[in-house]
Protein backbone atom coordinates (compact mmCIF):
# COMPACT_ATOMS: atom_id res chain seq x y z
CA MET A 1 -42.17 -1.57 -77.73
CA PHE A 2 -43.81 1.64 -78.30
CA ILE A 3 -47.70 2.39 -77.96
CA LYS A 4 -47.73 3.74 -81.59
CA GLU A 5 -46.15 0.26 -82.75
CA LEU A 6 -49.20 -1.75 -80.96
CA VAL A 7 -51.84 0.93 -82.49
CA PRO A 8 -52.20 -0.95 -85.74
CA ILE A 9 -52.72 -4.42 -84.32
CA PHE A 10 -55.06 -3.27 -81.41
CA GLY A 11 -56.89 -0.42 -82.88
CA SER A 12 -56.32 2.52 -80.30
CA LYS A 13 -53.91 3.98 -77.75
CA THR A 14 -55.71 3.03 -75.27
CA LYS A 15 -56.04 -0.74 -76.41
CA ALA A 16 -52.51 -0.72 -77.22
CA GLN A 17 -51.46 0.27 -73.53
CA GLU A 18 -53.64 -2.16 -71.58
CA ILE A 19 -51.70 -5.07 -73.55
CA VAL A 20 -48.80 -3.20 -72.29
CA LEU A 21 -49.64 -3.13 -68.91
CA LEU A 22 -50.17 -6.84 -69.38
CA LEU A 23 -46.89 -7.55 -70.96
CA HIS A 24 -45.37 -5.86 -67.94
CA ASP A 25 -47.40 -7.85 -65.20
CA ALA A 26 -49.24 -4.82 -64.22
CA LYS A 27 -52.70 -6.38 -65.04
CA LYS A 28 -53.36 -10.03 -65.47
CA VAL A 29 -56.24 -9.93 -67.31
CA VAL A 30 -57.55 -7.44 -69.78
CA ARG A 31 -60.95 -7.16 -71.55
CA GLN A 32 -61.44 -5.37 -74.83
CA GLY A 33 -63.65 -5.01 -78.01
CA PHE A 34 -63.11 -6.27 -81.17
CA TYR A 35 -65.25 -6.99 -84.75
CA ASP A 36 -64.37 -9.98 -86.75
CA GLU A 37 -62.33 -8.53 -89.32
CA GLU A 38 -59.80 -6.77 -86.66
CA LEU A 39 -59.35 -10.36 -84.74
CA PRO A 40 -56.84 -12.26 -86.87
CA THR A 41 -53.85 -9.49 -86.43
CA VAL A 42 -54.57 -9.53 -82.56
CA GLU A 43 -54.56 -13.19 -82.39
CA LYS A 44 -51.16 -13.43 -84.18
CA PHE A 45 -49.86 -10.63 -81.72
CA CYS A 46 -50.91 -12.91 -78.77
CA THR A 47 -49.37 -16.12 -80.31
CA GLU A 48 -46.11 -14.30 -80.76
CA ASN A 49 -46.34 -12.54 -77.50
CA LYS A 50 -47.47 -16.21 -75.17
CA ILE A 51 -50.85 -14.25 -74.02
CA CYS A 52 -53.75 -16.55 -74.40
CA LEU A 53 -56.98 -14.75 -75.88
CA VAL A 54 -60.67 -16.05 -75.26
CA LYS A 55 -63.52 -14.56 -77.39
CA SER A 56 -66.73 -14.32 -76.16
CA LYS A 57 -69.64 -16.53 -76.94
CA PHE A 58 -71.98 -13.67 -77.94
CA LYS A 59 -71.54 -10.67 -80.17
CA VAL A 60 -72.25 -7.20 -78.64
CA LEU A 61 -74.23 -4.44 -80.62
CA LEU A 62 -73.33 -0.77 -79.69
CA ALA A 63 -76.06 1.50 -79.46
CA ASP A 64 -73.85 4.00 -81.27
CA GLU A 65 -71.40 1.99 -83.54
CA TYR A 66 -69.44 5.30 -84.31
CA ALA A 67 -69.40 7.36 -81.01
CA TYR A 68 -67.84 5.61 -77.47
CA SER A 69 -70.49 4.06 -76.13
CA ASN A 70 -70.95 1.78 -73.03
CA LYS A 71 -74.30 1.03 -74.38
CA GLY A 72 -74.91 -2.40 -76.25
CA PHE A 73 -77.08 -5.29 -76.12
CA ARG A 74 -75.72 -9.13 -76.52
CA VAL A 75 -76.80 -11.19 -79.65
CA PRO A 76 -75.83 -14.66 -80.32
CA GLU A 77 -72.63 -15.51 -82.15
CA THR A 78 -75.31 -16.39 -84.92
CA ASP A 79 -76.46 -12.75 -85.46
CA THR A 80 -75.91 -11.63 -89.12
CA ARG A 81 -75.53 -8.30 -87.90
CA ARG A 82 -71.96 -6.60 -87.40
CA GLY A 83 -71.05 -7.09 -83.63
CA MET A 84 -68.44 -6.57 -81.48
CA TYR A 85 -66.84 -9.55 -79.54
CA PHE A 86 -65.23 -8.92 -76.01
CA VAL A 87 -61.50 -10.80 -75.91
CA TYR A 88 -60.15 -11.20 -72.54
CA PHE A 89 -56.21 -11.40 -72.66
CA SER A 90 -53.79 -13.10 -70.18
CA LYS A 91 -50.72 -14.69 -69.65
CA GLU A 92 -52.19 -17.34 -68.02
CA GLU A 93 -55.23 -19.49 -69.95
CA GLN A 94 -57.02 -19.83 -66.67
CA ASN A 95 -57.59 -16.27 -65.87
CA ALA A 96 -58.52 -15.56 -69.74
CA TRP A 97 -61.24 -18.21 -69.79
CA LEU A 98 -62.44 -17.33 -66.16
CA ALA A 99 -62.75 -13.60 -67.36
CA SER A 100 -64.98 -15.12 -70.16
CA TYR A 101 -67.10 -16.89 -68.05
CA TYR A 102 -67.86 -14.48 -65.13
CA GLU A 103 -69.04 -11.96 -68.37
CA LEU A 104 -71.25 -14.80 -69.66
CA MET A 105 -72.69 -15.68 -66.31
CA ASN A 106 -73.39 -11.57 -66.03
CA ASN A 107 -71.02 -12.15 -62.68
CA ASP A 108 -69.81 -8.32 -62.53
CA ALA A 109 -68.55 -8.45 -59.38
CA ASN A 110 -66.19 -11.53 -59.65
CA LEU A 111 -64.99 -10.05 -63.33
CA GLY A 112 -64.17 -6.87 -61.79
CA GLN A 113 -61.99 -8.51 -59.40
CA LEU A 114 -60.21 -10.83 -62.06
CA LEU A 115 -59.79 -7.62 -63.99
CA GLY A 116 -58.29 -6.10 -61.21
CA TYR A 117 -60.45 -3.19 -60.16
CA PRO A 118 -60.66 -1.96 -56.89
CA ARG A 119 -63.54 -3.85 -54.73
CA CYS A 120 -64.94 -0.59 -53.81
CA CYS A 121 -65.41 0.65 -57.41
CA VAL A 122 -66.71 -2.90 -58.33
CA GLU A 123 -69.41 -2.51 -55.56
CA PHE A 124 -70.09 0.83 -56.97
CA PHE A 125 -70.63 -0.38 -60.43
CA GLY A 126 -72.77 -3.18 -59.50
CA LYS A 127 -75.21 -0.97 -57.33
CA ARG A 128 -75.36 2.02 -60.36
CA PHE A 129 -74.50 0.69 -63.91
CA THR A 130 -77.80 -0.07 -65.33
CA GLU A 131 -79.82 -0.17 -68.80
CA ASP A 132 -80.75 3.68 -68.61
CA THR A 133 -77.55 4.49 -66.47
CA THR A 134 -74.20 3.52 -68.54
CA ASN A 135 -72.02 6.51 -67.91
CA LEU A 136 -70.88 6.42 -64.47
CA GLN A 137 -67.73 8.79 -64.44
CA ARG A 138 -67.46 11.20 -62.04
CA PRO A 139 -66.81 14.77 -62.50
CA PRO A 140 -62.89 14.77 -62.95
CA THR A 141 -60.38 16.43 -59.78
CA ASN A 142 -56.82 14.79 -61.13
CA VAL A 143 -55.43 13.00 -63.58
CA PHE A 144 -55.29 9.43 -62.29
CA THR A 145 -59.00 9.10 -61.95
CA ASN A 146 -60.06 11.24 -65.05
CA ILE A 147 -62.10 9.07 -67.62
CA THR A 148 -63.79 11.93 -69.38
CA GLN A 149 -61.28 11.87 -71.97
CA ARG A 150 -61.86 8.29 -73.32
CA HIS A 151 -63.76 9.67 -76.51
CA ARG A 152 -60.12 11.09 -77.14
CA ASP A 153 -58.13 7.97 -76.82
CA ALA A 154 -56.65 9.17 -73.39
CA VAL A 155 -57.27 7.18 -69.91
CA ILE A 156 -55.31 5.69 -67.23
CA LEU A 157 -57.82 3.55 -65.63
CA SER A 158 -59.99 1.12 -67.33
CA HIS A 159 -62.63 1.08 -64.91
CA PHE A 160 -65.64 3.86 -63.53
CA PRO A 161 -63.72 4.85 -60.24
CA CYS A 162 -66.39 4.98 -57.14
CA LYS A 163 -65.07 8.56 -56.42
CA SER A 164 -62.40 10.96 -58.13
CA ASP A 165 -60.49 10.68 -55.13
CA CYS A 166 -60.70 7.15 -54.35
CA GLN A 167 -57.80 6.11 -53.15
CA GLU A 168 -57.53 2.65 -54.58
CA SER A 169 -57.83 3.82 -58.01
CA ILE A 170 -55.20 6.46 -58.05
CA THR A 171 -52.87 3.86 -56.48
CA LEU A 172 -53.53 1.59 -59.38
CA ALA A 173 -53.09 4.43 -61.69
CA ARG A 174 -49.83 5.41 -60.42
CA LYS A 175 -48.72 2.02 -60.71
CA TYR A 176 -49.85 1.94 -64.67
CA LEU A 177 -47.75 5.51 -65.11
CA ASP A 178 -44.92 3.84 -63.75
CA VAL A 179 -44.69 1.05 -66.27
CA LEU A 180 -45.18 3.38 -69.26
CA ILE A 181 -42.88 5.51 -68.48
CA LYS A 182 -40.40 2.93 -68.75
CA VAL A 183 -41.96 1.79 -72.05
CA ASP A 184 -43.15 5.01 -73.72
CA ASN A 185 -42.76 8.51 -72.22
CA ARG A 186 -44.26 10.39 -74.67
CA ARG A 187 -47.44 8.44 -74.18
CA VAL A 188 -47.33 9.13 -70.43
CA GLU A 189 -46.89 12.92 -71.23
CA GLU A 190 -49.71 12.96 -73.53
CA LEU A 191 -52.18 11.23 -71.09
CA LEU A 192 -50.92 13.75 -68.23
CA GLU A 193 -51.72 16.49 -70.71
CA LEU A 194 -54.88 15.69 -71.90
CA LEU A 195 -55.88 14.37 -68.34
CA LYS A 196 -54.92 17.62 -66.44
CA VAL A 197 -58.39 19.08 -64.49
CA HIS A 198 -58.28 22.86 -65.05
């Protein structure tokens, strides 16, 4: 299943890539944002592929709806403004519900661990991420932890590495690339080209 085949369902190569990693057991939980109108095709795919999907009990209004943004604020589901739901995917229903619960309770530490992020990066996020500091990307020194090209739909990791040479993050990225090479070698070539550090 090539990444580009999943883009019409999930909306981006990065989101499709995350689902491929879940399907191949490289990740046990994936978290993504979707608007209401995007959910029916996502839900259909999950049903057909035995993936459990849990939708957040709130919506998020992004600070800038048309640019890549880490900044947003929660509103109730009943709010009439166009908001994005967080959606938690897992092959195990319990993990999808747990992720939803941890997010609802603002328990970033447990959510980060469940999403498979390195402990050092979860701690870094917990100490540094604030309403005023929402972009924790580090200056890139290698392709594995380079998250500076997210706006170009090119990233290997789905977390903020605590430092560019975080060995646990590099190990995770290598693991993800190993899976992606078997599934879609062209996507890997594209990622390595876009993420190379000049």
